[in-house]
């Protein structure tokens, strides 16, 4: 599917989501007490390493915003998702980096996550973001700070978040509630 392709029927999108969810549920590796005690970590590495799993996830995420003209992937697994989805949609991709990984000038946001604080950055120049329609991608939605911080960066730069999407949502942590007015899609909610 590309941004120039016909819009899929609701049935096609639903079937694509069901197929991707089955792959994610089958391949996700869960680890208790990582990276700190009390955290249950969802390792999606096996999903991305499996050709059918990865393709199903990429196709499903691409269907979330076929009219986006830029895909943004959040550090680090979001880079993999962003590149794949951008290739499918025929758009560019921008990496949302952890603080300190980009040369200045940068736009920065600090945020909290379930086990500490962190920061995200995007280029402050060199990429025209004003007026762009962005599909924002990450691997997991937990407390929601990462996606909200990334969305805030793009809004500060004058871009519009048309949709955000994740592979896995940990619904009990309430991260969806911290997001803006843009639609949020998750392939699997646990």
Protein backbone atom coordinates (compact mmCIF):
# COMPACT_ATOMS: atom_id res chain seq x y z
CA UNK A 1 0.00 0.00 0.00
CA UNK A 2 1.27 3.48 -0.76
CA UNK A 3 -0.19 6.87 -0.02
CA UNK A 4 -1.35 6.85 -3.64
CA UNK A 5 -3.19 3.54 -3.33
CA UNK A 6 -6.93 3.32 -2.91
CA UNK A 7 -8.16 3.49 0.68
CA UNK A 8 -8.69 0.01 2.09
CA UNK A 9 -12.10 -1.13 3.19
CA UNK A 10 -12.77 -1.34 6.93
CA UNK A 11 -12.85 -5.13 6.57
CA UNK A 12 -9.37 -5.20 5.02
CA UNK A 13 -7.93 -3.03 7.78
CA UNK A 14 -9.62 -5.16 10.46
CA UNK A 15 -8.36 -8.40 8.90
CA UNK A 16 -4.84 -6.95 8.62
CA UNK A 17 -4.97 -6.02 12.32
CA UNK A 18 -6.17 -9.49 13.32
CA UNK A 19 -3.31 -11.10 11.38
CA UNK A 20 -0.71 -8.76 12.87
CA UNK A 21 -2.07 -9.27 16.39
CA UNK A 22 -1.79 -13.03 16.03
CA UNK A 23 1.86 -12.69 15.04
CA UNK A 24 2.62 -10.29 17.90
CA UNK A 25 0.91 -12.52 20.47
CA UNK A 26 2.72 -15.60 19.16
CA UNK A 27 6.20 -14.08 19.04
CA UNK A 28 6.46 -11.56 21.91
CA UNK A 29 8.94 -12.60 24.62
CA UNK A 30 7.98 -11.47 28.14
CA UNK A 31 10.56 -10.89 30.90
CA UNK A 32 9.70 -10.11 34.51
CA UNK A 33 11.75 -7.65 36.59
CA UNK A 34 13.44 -6.04 33.59
CA UNK A 35 14.87 -3.41 33.39
CA UNK A 36 14.05 -2.94 37.07
CA UNK A 37 12.23 -5.03 39.69
CA UNK A 38 8.46 -4.91 39.29
CA UNK A 39 8.51 -4.16 35.55
CA UNK A 40 7.30 -6.80 33.08
CA UNK A 41 9.12 -6.17 29.80
CA UNK A 42 7.60 -7.03 26.43
CA UNK A 43 10.47 -7.89 24.07
CA UNK A 44 9.29 -7.50 20.49
CA UNK A 45 12.66 -8.51 19.02
CA UNK A 46 11.32 -11.95 17.95
CA UNK A 47 8.39 -10.25 16.17
CA UNK A 48 10.74 -8.03 14.17
CA UNK A 49 13.13 -10.92 13.43
CA UNK A 50 10.34 -13.04 11.95
CA UNK A 51 9.66 -12.12 8.28
CA UNK A 52 5.91 -12.79 8.44
CA UNK A 53 5.56 -11.13 11.84
CA UNK A 54 7.49 -8.03 10.81
CA UNK A 55 5.60 -7.68 7.52
CA UNK A 56 2.23 -8.08 9.23
CA UNK A 57 3.12 -5.38 11.77
CA UNK A 58 4.44 -2.97 9.12
CA UNK A 59 1.35 -3.38 6.91
CA UNK A 60 -0.97 -2.91 9.88
CA UNK A 61 0.79 0.25 11.07
CA UNK A 62 0.89 1.69 7.55
CA UNK A 63 -2.90 1.39 7.38
CA UNK A 64 -3.22 3.76 10.37
CA UNK A 65 -2.45 6.90 8.36
CA UNK A 66 -2.24 6.36 4.60
CA UNK A 67 -2.37 10.15 4.14
CA UNK A 68 0.71 10.89 6.29
CA UNK A 69 3.59 12.56 4.46
CA UNK A 70 6.20 11.78 7.14
CA UNK A 71 6.64 8.81 9.44
CA UNK A 72 8.40 9.35 12.77
CA UNK A 73 9.86 6.44 14.72
CA UNK A 74 10.75 6.80 18.39
CA UNK A 75 14.19 5.63 19.59
CA UNK A 76 15.04 2.82 19.17
CA UNK A 77 12.67 0.10 18.02
CA UNK A 78 10.47 2.78 16.49
CA UNK A 79 13.30 3.34 13.99
CA UNK A 80 12.69 -0.15 12.58
CA UNK A 81 8.95 0.40 12.43
CA UNK A 82 9.25 3.89 10.99
CA UNK A 83 11.57 2.85 8.17
CA UNK A 84 9.37 -0.08 7.19
CA UNK A 85 6.15 1.94 7.26
CA UNK A 86 7.70 4.86 5.38
CA UNK A 87 8.85 2.48 2.64
CA UNK A 88 5.32 1.08 2.33
CA UNK A 89 3.69 4.53 2.30
CA UNK A 90 6.26 6.11 0.01
CA UNK A 91 7.14 8.85 2.52
CA UNK A 92 10.19 10.04 4.39
CA UNK A 93 11.09 8.88 7.87
CA UNK A 94 12.46 10.84 10.83
CA UNK A 95 14.10 9.29 13.88
CA UNK A 96 13.01 10.74 17.22
CA UNK A 97 16.25 10.39 19.19
CA UNK A 98 17.12 10.03 22.85
CA UNK A 99 18.60 13.20 24.33
CA UNK A 100 22.21 13.91 23.42
CA UNK A 101 22.30 11.89 20.18
CA UNK A 102 21.75 14.72 17.67
CA UNK A 103 23.95 17.72 16.94
CA UNK A 104 22.46 21.12 17.77
CA UNK A 105 20.19 22.81 17.19
CA UNK A 106 17.52 20.44 18.47
CA UNK A 107 14.02 20.59 19.88
CA UNK A 108 13.94 18.71 23.22
CA UNK A 109 11.35 17.31 25.63
CA UNK A 110 11.81 15.56 28.95
CA UNK A 111 9.24 13.01 30.06
CA UNK A 112 8.63 10.41 32.72
CA UNK A 113 8.30 6.70 32.16
CA UNK A 114 7.35 3.87 34.45
CA UNK A 115 10.91 3.49 35.76
CA UNK A 116 12.50 6.95 35.55
CA UNK A 117 12.84 10.01 33.34
CA UNK A 118 14.26 10.53 29.87
CA UNK A 119 14.44 13.05 27.05
CA UNK A 120 13.71 13.05 23.32
CA UNK A 121 14.99 15.26 20.53
CA UNK A 122 14.35 16.04 16.88
CA UNK A 123 16.41 18.26 14.58
CA UNK A 124 15.82 21.98 15.07
CA UNK A 125 16.79 22.67 11.46
CA UNK A 126 17.60 20.85 8.25
CA UNK A 127 14.20 19.11 8.00
CA UNK A 128 11.16 21.25 7.24
CA UNK A 129 8.47 20.05 9.63
CA UNK A 130 5.96 22.91 9.55
CA UNK A 131 2.74 21.74 7.90
CA UNK A 132 3.82 18.09 7.70
CA UNK A 133 1.28 15.33 8.45
CA UNK A 134 3.09 12.89 10.76
CA UNK A 135 2.38 9.27 11.64
CA UNK A 136 4.12 8.72 15.00
CA UNK A 137 5.27 5.16 15.77
CA UNK A 138 6.67 3.36 18.81
CA UNK A 139 6.86 -0.24 19.86
CA UNK A 140 5.07 -0.15 23.24
CA UNK A 141 2.62 2.27 24.85
CA UNK A 142 2.98 2.03 28.62
CA UNK A 143 2.56 5.19 30.73
CA UNK A 144 2.39 7.31 27.57
CA UNK A 145 5.17 9.78 28.31
CA UNK A 146 7.30 8.83 25.33
CA UNK A 147 4.59 9.24 22.70
CA UNK A 148 3.25 12.41 24.30
CA UNK A 149 6.74 13.96 24.39
CA UNK A 150 7.39 13.02 20.76
CA UNK A 151 4.03 14.44 19.67
CA UNK A 152 4.79 17.64 21.55
CA UNK A 153 8.09 18.02 19.68
CA UNK A 154 6.39 17.79 16.30
CA UNK A 155 3.63 20.16 17.32
CA UNK A 156 6.29 22.64 18.52
CA UNK A 157 7.87 22.38 15.05
CA UNK A 158 4.52 23.16 13.38
CA UNK A 159 3.68 19.61 12.25
CA UNK A 160 0.38 17.82 12.74
CA UNK A 161 0.20 14.37 14.31
CA UNK A 162 -2.43 12.64 12.17
CA UNK A 163 -2.13 9.37 14.07
CA UNK A 164 0.04 7.52 16.56
CA UNK A 165 0.41 3.76 16.53
CA UNK A 166 2.16 1.11 18.60
CA UNK A 167 2.62 -2.62 18.38
CA UNK A 168 1.71 -3.34 22.01
CA UNK A 169 -0.26 -1.32 24.55
CA UNK A 170 -0.12 -2.03 28.29
CA UNK A 171 -3.62 -0.71 28.93
CA UNK A 172 -3.49 -0.89 32.74
CA UNK A 173 -0.79 1.83 32.80
CA UNK A 174 -3.15 4.39 31.22
CA UNK A 175 -0.78 5.75 28.58
CA UNK A 176 -3.58 6.33 26.09
CA UNK A 177 -5.04 8.96 28.43
CA UNK A 178 -1.87 11.08 28.14
CA UNK A 179 -2.13 11.41 24.36
CA UNK A 180 -3.52 14.37 22.44
CA UNK A 181 -6.48 14.58 20.11
CA UNK A 182 -4.86 12.37 17.46
CA UNK A 183 -6.08 8.78 17.08
CA UNK A 184 -3.96 6.12 18.79
CA UNK A 185 -3.88 2.60 17.40
CA UNK A 186 -2.39 -0.45 19.08
CA UNK A 187 -2.13 -3.83 17.39
CA UNK A 188 -2.37 -5.69 20.70
CA UNK A 189 -3.70 -4.38 24.04
CA UNK A 190 -2.88 -6.29 27.22
